[in-house]
PDB file of N, CA and C in Angstrom:
ATOM      1  N   UNK A   1     -55.612 249.255 122.482  1.00  0.00           N
ATOM      2  CA  UNK A   1     -56.573 249.926 123.316  1.00  0.00           C
ATOM      3  C   UNK A   1     -57.942 249.320 123.087  1.00  0.00           C
ATOM      4  N   UNK A   2     -58.864 249.661 123.940  1.00  0.00           N
ATOM      5  CA  UNK A   2     -60.235 249.181 123.805  1.00  0.00           C
ATOM      6  C   UNK A   2     -61.174 250.330 124.154  1.00  0.00           C
ATOM      7  N   UNK A   3     -62.466 250.082 124.004  1.00  0.00           N
ATOM      8  CA  UNK A   3     -63.421 251.131 124.373  1.00  0.00           C
ATOM      9  C   UNK A   3     -63.320 251.447 125.864  1.00  0.00           C
ATOM     10  N   UNK A   4     -62.900 250.463 126.666  1.00  0.00           N
ATOM     11  CA  UNK A   4     -62.772 250.686 128.110  1.00  0.00           C
ATOM     12  C   UNK A   4     -61.541 251.535 128.468  1.00  0.00           C
ATOM     13  N   UNK A   5     -60.528 251.507 127.636  1.00  0.00           N
ATOM     14  CA  UNK A   5     -59.308 252.262 127.929  1.00  0.00           C
ATOM     15  C   UNK A   5     -59.222 253.575 127.144  1.00  0.00           C
ATOM     16  N   UNK A   6     -60.234 253.850 126.356  1.00  0.00           N
ATOM     17  CA  UNK A   6     -60.241 255.047 125.512  1.00  0.00           C
ATOM     18  C   UNK A   6     -60.132 256.330 126.335  1.00  0.00           C
ATOM     19  N   UNK A   7     -60.991 256.516 127.319  1.00  0.00           N
ATOM     20  CA  UNK A   7     -60.966 257.755 128.103  1.00  0.00           C
ATOM     21  C   UNK A   7     -59.659 257.950 128.871  1.00  0.00           C
ATOM     22  N   UNK A   8     -59.144 256.939 129.561  1.00  0.00           N
ATOM     23  CA  UNK A   8     -57.853 257.145 130.232  1.00  0.00           C
ATOM     24  C   UNK A   8     -56.727 257.482 129.246  1.00  0.00           C
ATOM     25  N   UNK A   9     -56.778 256.908 128.050  1.00  0.00           N
ATOM     26  CA  UNK A   9     -55.769 257.218 127.046  1.00  0.00           C
ATOM     27  C   UNK A   9     -55.903 258.666 126.574  1.00  0.00           C
ATOM     28  N   UNK A  10     -57.143 259.135 126.403  1.00  0.00           N
ATOM     29  CA  UNK A  10     -57.366 260.539 126.034  1.00  0.00           C
ATOM     30  C   UNK A  10     -56.735 261.473 127.073  1.00  0.00           C
ATOM     31  N   UNK A  11     -56.980 261.205 128.337  1.00  0.00           N
ATOM     32  CA  UNK A  11     -56.435 262.060 129.413  1.00  0.00           C
ATOM     33  C   UNK A  11     -54.904 261.987 129.459  1.00  0.00           C
ATOM     34  N   UNK A  12     -54.355 260.800 129.219  1.00  0.00           N
ATOM     35  CA  UNK A  12     -52.895 260.639 129.225  1.00  0.00           C
ATOM     36  C   UNK A  12     -52.258 261.435 128.096  1.00  0.00           C
ATOM     37  N   UNK A  13     -52.842 261.378 126.917  1.00  0.00           N
ATOM     38  CA  UNK A  13     -52.325 262.150 125.786  1.00  0.00           C
ATOM     39  C   UNK A  13     -52.410 263.638 126.098  1.00  0.00           C
ATOM     40  N   UNK A  14     -53.539 264.068 126.650  1.00  0.00           N
ATOM     41  CA  UNK A  14     -53.691 265.478 127.014  1.00  0.00           C
ATOM     42  C   UNK A  14     -52.606 265.925 127.989  1.00  0.00           C
ATOM     43  N   UNK A  15     -52.381 265.125 129.016  1.00  0.00           N
ATOM     44  CA  UNK A  15     -51.366 265.492 130.019  1.00  0.00           C
ATOM     45  C   UNK A  15     -49.972 265.549 129.412  1.00  0.00           C
ATOM     46  N   UNK A  16     -49.661 264.638 128.512  1.00  0.00           N
ATOM     47  CA  UNK A  16     -48.314 264.638 127.929  1.00  0.00           C
ATOM     48  C   UNK A  16     -48.123 265.803 126.962  1.00  0.00           C
ATOM     49  N   UNK A  17     -49.137 266.140 126.170  1.00  0.00           N
ATOM     50  CA  UNK A  17     -49.033 267.284 125.261  1.00  0.00           C
ATOM     51  C   UNK A  17     -48.965 268.582 126.059  1.00  0.00           C
ATOM     52  N   UNK A  18     -49.698 268.656 127.155  1.00  0.00           N
ATOM     53  CA  UNK A  18     -49.724 269.867 127.983  1.00  0.00           C
ATOM     54  C   UNK A  18     -48.360 270.191 128.586  1.00  0.00           C
ATOM     55  N   UNK A  19     -47.455 269.229 128.633  1.00  0.00           N
ATOM     56  CA  UNK A  19     -46.110 269.465 129.164  1.00  0.00           C
ATOM     57  C   UNK A  19     -45.248 270.313 128.241  1.00  0.00           C
ATOM     58  N   UNK A  20     -45.630 270.415 126.979  1.00  0.00           N
ATOM     59  CA  UNK A  20     -44.835 271.161 126.004  1.00  0.00           C
ATOM     60  C   UNK A  20     -44.914 272.656 126.292  1.00  0.00           C
ATOM     61  N   UNK A  21     -43.809 273.381 126.061  1.00  0.00           N
ATOM     62  CA  UNK A  21     -43.810 274.831 126.308  1.00  0.00           C
ATOM     63  C   UNK A  21     -44.879 275.542 125.482  1.00  0.00           C
ATOM     64  N   UNK A  22     -45.565 276.480 126.104  1.00  0.00           N
ATOM     65  CA  UNK A  22     -46.539 277.309 125.420  1.00  0.00           C
ATOM     66  C   UNK A  22     -47.923 276.718 125.278  1.00  0.00           C
ATOM     67  N   UNK A  23     -48.109 275.467 125.618  1.00  0.00           N
ATOM     68  CA  UNK A  23     -49.423 274.843 125.461  1.00  0.00           C
ATOM     69  C   UNK A  23     -50.350 275.358 126.562  1.00  0.00           C
ATOM     70  N   UNK A  24     -51.422 276.028 126.139  1.00  0.00           N
ATOM     71  CA  UNK A  24     -52.387 276.578 127.082  1.00  0.00           C
ATOM     72  C   UNK A  24     -53.516 275.595 127.375  1.00  0.00           C
ATOM     73  N   UNK A  25     -53.914 274.822 126.362  1.00  0.00           N
ATOM     74  CA  UNK A  25     -54.961 273.824 126.581  1.00  0.00           C
ATOM     75  C   UNK A  25     -54.877 272.733 125.523  1.00  0.00           C
ATOM     76  N   UNK A  26     -55.397 271.564 125.898  1.00  0.00           N
ATOM     77  CA  UNK A  26     -55.407 270.398 125.012  1.00  0.00           C
ATOM     78  C   UNK A  26     -56.717 269.654 125.233  1.00  0.00           C
ATOM     79  N   UNK A  27     -57.327 269.246 124.143  1.00  0.00           N
ATOM     80  CA  UNK A  27     -58.526 268.415 124.217  1.00  0.00           C
ATOM     81  C   UNK A  27     -58.362 267.267 123.231  1.00  0.00           C
ATOM     82  N   UNK A  28     -58.421 266.037 123.732  1.00  0.00           N
ATOM     83  CA  UNK A  28     -58.256 264.856 122.887  1.00  0.00           C
ATOM     84  C   UNK A  28     -59.542 264.030 122.933  1.00  0.00           C
ATOM     85  N   UNK A  29     -60.030 263.698 121.762  1.00  0.00           N
ATOM     86  CA  UNK A  29     -61.176 262.802 121.640  1.00  0.00           C
ATOM     87  C   UNK A  29     -60.801 261.672 120.699  1.00  0.00           C
ATOM     88  N   UNK A  30     -61.014 260.448 121.168  1.00  0.00           N
ATOM     89  CA  UNK A  30     -60.797 259.254 120.353  1.00  0.00           C
ATOM     90  C   UNK A  30     -62.176 258.733 119.973  1.00  0.00           C
ATOM     91  N   UNK A  31     -62.421 258.595 118.684  1.00  0.00           N
ATOM     92  CA  UNK A  31     -63.721 258.200 118.171  1.00  0.00           C
ATOM     93  C   UNK A  31     -64.073 256.779 118.617  1.00  0.00           C
ATOM     94  N   UNK A  32     -65.063 256.692 119.478  1.00  0.00           N
ATOM     95  CA  UNK A  32     -65.481 255.409 120.057  1.00  0.00           C
ATOM     96  C   UNK A  32     -65.954 254.435 118.989  1.00  0.00           C
ATOM     97  N   UNK A  33     -66.697 254.923 118.010  1.00  0.00           N
ATOM     98  CA  UNK A  33     -67.223 254.046 116.964  1.00  0.00           C
ATOM     99  C   UNK A  33     -66.095 253.466 116.107  1.00  0.00           C
ATOM    100  N   UNK A  34     -65.103 254.285 115.799  1.00  0.00           N
ATOM    101  CA  UNK A  34     -63.971 253.779 115.019  1.00  0.00           C
ATOM    102  C   UNK A  34     -63.163 252.754 115.812  1.00  0.00           C
ATOM    103  N   UNK A  35     -63.103 252.922 117.127  1.00  0.00           N
ATOM    104  CA  UNK A  35     -62.427 251.936 117.977  1.00  0.00           C
ATOM    105  C   UNK A  35     -63.196 250.619 117.922  1.00  0.00           C
ATOM    106  N   UNK A  36     -64.514 250.686 118.038  1.00  0.00           N
ATOM    107  CA  UNK A  36     -65.336 249.468 117.968  1.00  0.00           C
ATOM    108  C   UNK A  36     -65.158 248.760 116.625  1.00  0.00           C
ATOM    109  N   UNK A  37     -65.161 249.539 115.546  1.00  0.00           N
ATOM    110  CA  UNK A  37     -65.041 248.955 114.211  1.00  0.00           C
ATOM    111  C   UNK A  37     -63.678 248.298 113.991  1.00  0.00           C
ATOM    112  N   UNK A  38     -62.637 248.854 114.588  1.00  0.00           N
ATOM    113  CA  UNK A  38     -61.279 248.339 114.385  1.00  0.00           C
ATOM    114  C   UNK A  38     -60.925 247.199 115.337  1.00  0.00           C
ATOM    115  N   UNK A  39     -61.741 246.998 116.358  1.00  0.00           N
ATOM    116  CA  UNK A  39     -61.419 246.006 117.383  1.00  0.00           C
ATOM    117  C   UNK A  39     -61.389 244.588 116.816  1.00  0.00           C
ATOM    118  N   UNK A  40     -60.446 243.815 117.317  1.00  0.00           N
ATOM    119  CA  UNK A  40     -60.319 242.423 116.893  1.00  0.00           C
ATOM    120  C   UNK A  40     -61.173 241.520 117.782  1.00  0.00           C
ATOM    121  N   UNK A  41     -60.961 240.231 117.687  1.00  0.00           N
ATOM    122  CA  UNK A  41     -61.756 239.265 118.465  1.00  0.00           C
ATOM    123  C   UNK A  41     -61.596 239.432 119.973  1.00  0.00           C
ATOM    124  N   UNK A  42     -60.533 240.090 120.391  1.00  0.00           N
ATOM    125  CA  UNK A  42     -60.289 240.314 121.814  1.00  0.00           C
ATOM    126  C   UNK A  42     -60.789 241.691 122.269  1.00  0.00           C
ATOM    127  N   UNK A  43     -61.521 242.385 121.361  1.00  0.00           N
ATOM    128  CA  UNK A  43     -62.060 243.728 121.607  1.00  0.00           C
ATOM    129  C   UNK A  43     -60.946 244.740 121.850  1.00  0.00           C
ATOM    130  N   UNK A  44     -59.868 244.569 121.087  1.00  0.00           N
ATOM    131  CA  UNK A  44     -58.677 245.396 121.223  1.00  0.00           C
ATOM    132  C   UNK A  44     -58.252 245.871 119.840  1.00  0.00           C
ATOM    133  N   UNK A  45     -57.681 247.076 119.768  1.00  0.00           N
ATOM    134  CA  UNK A  45     -57.179 247.574 118.486  1.00  0.00           C
ATOM    135  C   UNK A  45     -56.020 248.531 118.725  1.00  0.00           C
ATOM    136  N   UNK A  46     -55.349 248.880 117.637  1.00  0.00           N
ATOM    137  CA  UNK A  46     -54.276 249.865 117.691  1.00  0.00           C
ATOM    138  C   UNK A  46     -54.864 251.248 117.465  1.00  0.00           C
ATOM    139  N   UNK A  47     -54.341 252.234 118.164  1.00  0.00           N
ATOM    140  CA  UNK A  47     -54.758 253.612 117.949  1.00  0.00           C
ATOM    141  C   UNK A  47     -54.218 254.083 116.607  1.00  0.00           C
ATOM    142  N   UNK A  48     -55.070 254.737 115.823  1.00  0.00           N
ATOM    143  CA  UNK A  48     -54.631 255.278 114.538  1.00  0.00           C
ATOM    144  C   UNK A  48     -55.045 256.744 114.446  1.00  0.00           C
ATOM    145  N   UNK A  49     -54.403 257.451 113.536  1.00  0.00           N
ATOM    146  CA  UNK A  49     -54.717 258.854 113.333  1.00  0.00           C
ATOM    147  C   UNK A  49     -56.159 259.092 112.935  1.00  0.00           C
ATOM    148  N   UNK A  50     -56.765 258.114 112.277  1.00  0.00           N
ATOM    149  CA  UNK A  50     -58.161 258.244 111.853  1.00  0.00           C
ATOM    150  C   UNK A  50     -59.118 258.315 113.036  1.00  0.00           C
ATOM    151  N   UNK A  51     -58.683 257.880 114.195  1.00  0.00           N
ATOM    152  CA  UNK A  51     -59.532 257.869 115.387  1.00  0.00           C
ATOM    153  C   UNK A  51     -59.447 259.159 116.192  1.00  0.00           C
ATOM    154  N   UNK A  52     -58.465 259.998 115.892  1.00  0.00           N
ATOM    155  CA  UNK A  52     -58.159 261.149 116.740  1.00  0.00           C
ATOM    156  C   UNK A  52     -58.816 262.442 116.285  1.00  0.00           C
ATOM    157  N   UNK A  53     -59.245 263.214 117.257  1.00  0.00           N
ATOM    158  CA  UNK A  53     -59.656 264.600 117.065  1.00  0.00           C
ATOM    159  C   UNK A  53     -59.003 265.355 118.221  1.00  0.00           C
ATOM    160  N   UNK A  54     -57.959 266.114 117.906  1.00  0.00           N
ATOM    161  CA  UNK A  54     -57.145 266.765 118.939  1.00  0.00           C
ATOM    162  C   UNK A  54     -57.142 268.264 118.704  1.00  0.00           C
ATOM    163  N   UNK A  55     -57.483 269.017 119.753  1.00  0.00           N
ATOM    164  CA  UNK A  55     -57.448 270.479 119.692  1.00  0.00           C
ATOM    165  C   UNK A  55     -56.395 270.962 120.685  1.00  0.00           C
ATOM    166  N   UNK A  56     -55.524 271.863 120.212  1.00  0.00           N
ATOM    167  CA  UNK A  56     -54.456 272.405 121.056  1.00  0.00           C
ATOM    168  C   UNK A  56     -54.437 273.918 120.892  1.00  0.00           C
ATOM    169  N   UNK A  57     -54.300 274.611 122.011  1.00  0.00           N
ATOM    170  CA  UNK A  57     -54.114 276.058 121.993  1.00  0.00           C
ATOM    171  C   UNK A  57     -52.712 276.332 122.511  1.00  0.00           C
ATOM    172  N   UNK A  58     -51.934 277.053 121.703  1.00  0.00           N
ATOM    173  CA  UNK A  58     -50.556 277.393 122.050  1.00  0.00           C
ATOM    174  C   UNK A  58     -50.441 278.914 122.122  1.00  0.00           C
ATOM    175  N   UNK A  59     -49.774 279.384 123.162  1.00  0.00           N
ATOM    176  CA  UNK A  59     -49.505 280.813 123.291  1.00  0.00           C
ATOM    177  C   UNK A  59     -48.012 281.019 123.086  1.00  0.00           C
ATOM    178  N   UNK A  60     -47.695 281.909 122.152  1.00  0.00           N
ATOM    179  CA  UNK A  60     -46.298 282.225 121.860  1.00  0.00           C
ATOM    180  C   UNK A  60     -46.204 283.734 121.687  1.00  0.00           C
ATOM    181  N   UNK A  61     -45.456 284.364 122.569  1.00  0.00           N
ATOM    182  CA  UNK A  61     -45.390 285.822 122.533  1.00  0.00           C
ATOM    183  C   UNK A  61     -46.780 286.378 122.744  1.00  0.00           C
ATOM    184  N   UNK A  62     -47.241 287.186 121.808  1.00  0.00           N
ATOM    185  CA  UNK A  62     -48.586 287.760 121.906  1.00  0.00           C
ATOM    186  C   UNK A  62     -49.609 287.008 121.056  1.00  0.00           C
ATOM    187  N   UNK A  63     -49.213 285.912 120.466  1.00  0.00           N
ATOM    188  CA  UNK A  63     -50.119 285.142 119.613  1.00  0.00           C
ATOM    189  C   UNK A  63     -50.701 283.947 120.357  1.00  0.00           C
ATOM    190  N   UNK A  64     -51.978 283.722 120.135  1.00  0.00           N
ATOM    191  CA  UNK A  64     -52.653 282.519 120.619  1.00  0.00           C
ATOM    192  C   UNK A  64     -53.079 281.753 119.372  1.00  0.00           C
ATOM    193  N   UNK A  65     -52.558 280.540 119.231  1.00  0.00           N
ATOM    194  CA  UNK A  65     -52.783 279.747 118.021  1.00  0.00           C
ATOM    195  C   UNK A  65     -53.613 278.513 118.372  1.00  0.00           C
ATOM    196  N   UNK A  66     -54.708 278.349 117.657  1.00  0.00           N
ATOM    197  CA  UNK A  66     -55.587 277.197 117.842  1.00  0.00           C
ATOM    198  C   UNK A  66     -55.338 276.246 116.676  1.00  0.00           C
ATOM    199  N   UNK A  67     -54.870 275.038 116.992  1.00  0.00           N
ATOM    200  CA  UNK A  67     -54.621 274.036 115.963  1.00  0.00           C
ATOM    201  C   UNK A  67     -55.474 272.802 116.239  1.00  0.00           C
ATOM    202  N   UNK A  68     -55.686 272.030 115.189  1.00  0.00           N
ATOM    203  CA  UNK A  68     -56.512 270.828 115.336  1.00  0.00           C
ATOM    204  C   UNK A  68     -55.994 269.729 114.432  1.00  0.00           C
ATOM    205  N   UNK A  69     -55.922 268.545 114.977  1.00  0.00           N
ATOM    206  CA  UNK A  69     -55.617 267.340 114.218  1.00  0.00           C
ATOM    207  C   UNK A  69     -56.918 266.546 114.133  1.00  0.00           C
ATOM    208  N   UNK A  70     -57.369 266.317 112.909  1.00  0.00           N
ATOM    209  CA  UNK A  70     -58.632 265.618 112.713  1.00  0.00           C
ATOM    210  C   UNK A  70     -58.568 264.839 111.402  1.00  0.00           C
ATOM    211  N   UNK A  71     -59.156 263.663 111.401  1.00  0.00           N
ATOM    212  CA  UNK A  71     -59.193 262.844 110.188  1.00  0.00           C
ATOM    213  C   UNK A  71     -60.093 263.503 109.151  1.00  0.00           C
ATOM    214  N   UNK A  72     -59.557 263.669 107.960  1.00  0.00           N
ATOM    215  CA  UNK A  72     -60.310 264.240 106.849  1.00  0.00           C
ATOM    216  C   UNK A  72     -60.648 263.110 105.880  1.00  0.00           C
ATOM    217  N   UNK A  73     -61.903 262.706 105.862  1.00  0.00           N
ATOM    218  CA  UNK A  73     -62.335 261.553 105.062  1.00  0.00           C
ATOM    219  C   UNK A  73     -62.032 261.743 103.578  1.00  0.00           C
ATOM    220  N   UNK A  74     -62.243 262.949 103.047  1.00  0.00           N
ATOM    221  CA  UNK A  74     -62.017 263.160 101.615  1.00  0.00           C
ATOM    222  C   UNK A  74     -60.540 263.028 101.236  1.00  0.00           C
ATOM    223  N   UNK A  75     -59.651 263.281 102.188  1.00  0.00           N
ATOM    224  CA  UNK A  75     -58.215 263.119 101.955  1.00  0.00           C
ATOM    225  C   UNK A  75     -57.705 261.755 102.416  1.00  0.00           C
ATOM    226  N   UNK A  76     -58.539 261.060 103.192  1.00  0.00           N
ATOM    227  CA  UNK A  76     -58.159 259.790 103.820  1.00  0.00           C
ATOM    228  C   UNK A  76     -56.873 259.960 104.616  1.00  0.00           C
ATOM    229  N   UNK A  77     -56.853 261.032 105.438  1.00  0.00           N
ATOM    230  CA  UNK A  77     -55.622 261.375 106.157  1.00  0.00           C
ATOM    231  C   UNK A  77     -55.953 262.235 107.378  1.00  0.00           C
ATOM    232  N   UNK A  78     -55.274 261.992 108.500  1.00  0.00           N
ATOM    233  CA  UNK A  78     -55.448 262.877 109.655  1.00  0.00           C
ATOM    234  C   UNK A  78     -54.615 264.149 109.431  1.00  0.00           C
ATOM    235  N   UNK A  79     -55.292 265.257 109.257  1.00  0.00           N
ATOM    236  CA  UNK A  79     -54.628 266.503 108.880  1.00  0.00           C
ATOM    237  C   UNK A  79     -54.601 267.477 110.051  1.00  0.00           C
ATOM    238  N   UNK A  80     -53.426 268.084 110.281  1.00  0.00           N
ATOM    239  CA  UNK A  80     -53.333 269.126 111.286  1.00  0.00           C
ATOM    240  C   UNK A  80     -53.426 270.464 110.581  1.00  0.00           C
ATOM    241  N   UNK A  81     -54.226 271.347 111.153  1.00  0.00           N
ATOM    242  CA  UNK A  81     -54.377 272.665 110.551  1.00  0.00           C
ATOM    243  C   UNK A  81     -54.516 273.736 111.625  1.00  0.00           C
ATOM    244  N   UNK A  82     -54.164 274.942 111.242  1.00  0.00           N
ATOM    245  CA  UNK A  82     -54.354 276.097 112.102  1.00  0.00           C
ATOM    246  C   UNK A  82     -55.798 276.547 111.897  1.00  0.00           C
ATOM    247  N   UNK A  83     -56.561 276.610 112.985  1.00  0.00           N
ATOM    248  CA  UNK A  83     -57.951 277.037 112.869  1.00  0.00           C
ATOM    249  C   UNK A  83     -58.146 278.519 113.155  1.00  0.00           C
ATOM    250  N   UNK A  84     -57.287 279.062 114.044  1.00  0.00           N
ATOM    251  CA  UNK A  84     -57.450 280.465 114.407  1.00  0.00           C
ATOM    252  C   UNK A  84     -56.169 280.984 115.048  1.00  0.00           C
ATOM    253  N   UNK A  85     -55.868 282.236 114.749  1.00  0.00           N
ATOM    254  CA  UNK A  85     -54.743 282.923 115.403  1.00  0.00           C
ATOM    255  C   UNK A  85     -55.289 284.248 115.923  1.00  0.00           C
ATOM    256  N   UNK A  86     -55.065 284.505 117.204  1.00  0.00           N
ATOM    257  CA  UNK A  86     -55.485 285.768 117.783  1.00  0.00           C
ATOM    258  C   UNK A  86     -54.308 286.412 118.482  1.00  0.00           C
ATOM    259  N   UNK A  87     -54.391 287.725 118.629  1.00  0.00           N
ATOM    260  CA  UNK A  87     -53.337 288.470 119.295  1.00  0.00           C
ATOM    261  C   UNK A  87     -53.747 288.719 120.740  1.00  0.00           C
ATOM    262  N   UNK A  88     -52.863 288.374 121.665  1.00  0.00           N
ATOM    263  CA  UNK A  88     -53.085 288.607 123.092  1.00  0.00           C
ATOM    264  C   UNK A  88     -52.743 290.052 123.418  1.00  0.00           C
ATOM    265  N   UNK A  89     -53.450 290.624 124.366  1.00  0.00           N
ATOM    266  CA  UNK A  89     -53.122 292.011 124.765  1.00  0.00           C
ATOM    267  C   UNK A  89     -52.378 292.040 126.070  1.00  0.00           C
TER     268      UNK A  89
END
């Protein structure tokens, strides 16, 4: 990918995740600066977990679960975590 293909890739990932059952919303952000830093001589690089910040809201039964995948520098790892759980009425 490149900085020019970053936004279309974000939208494509969002659309594919949104196909999963229960997914109410998806927001994908690929860190532009990390893409620039990783780019080779052809201004191209591979997508890595360190570049991603993904927020997903899933509804299951009466629960609404907000999860996020984000690179955690102190762990040197893209970690997924539950940020919030609410009960739907």
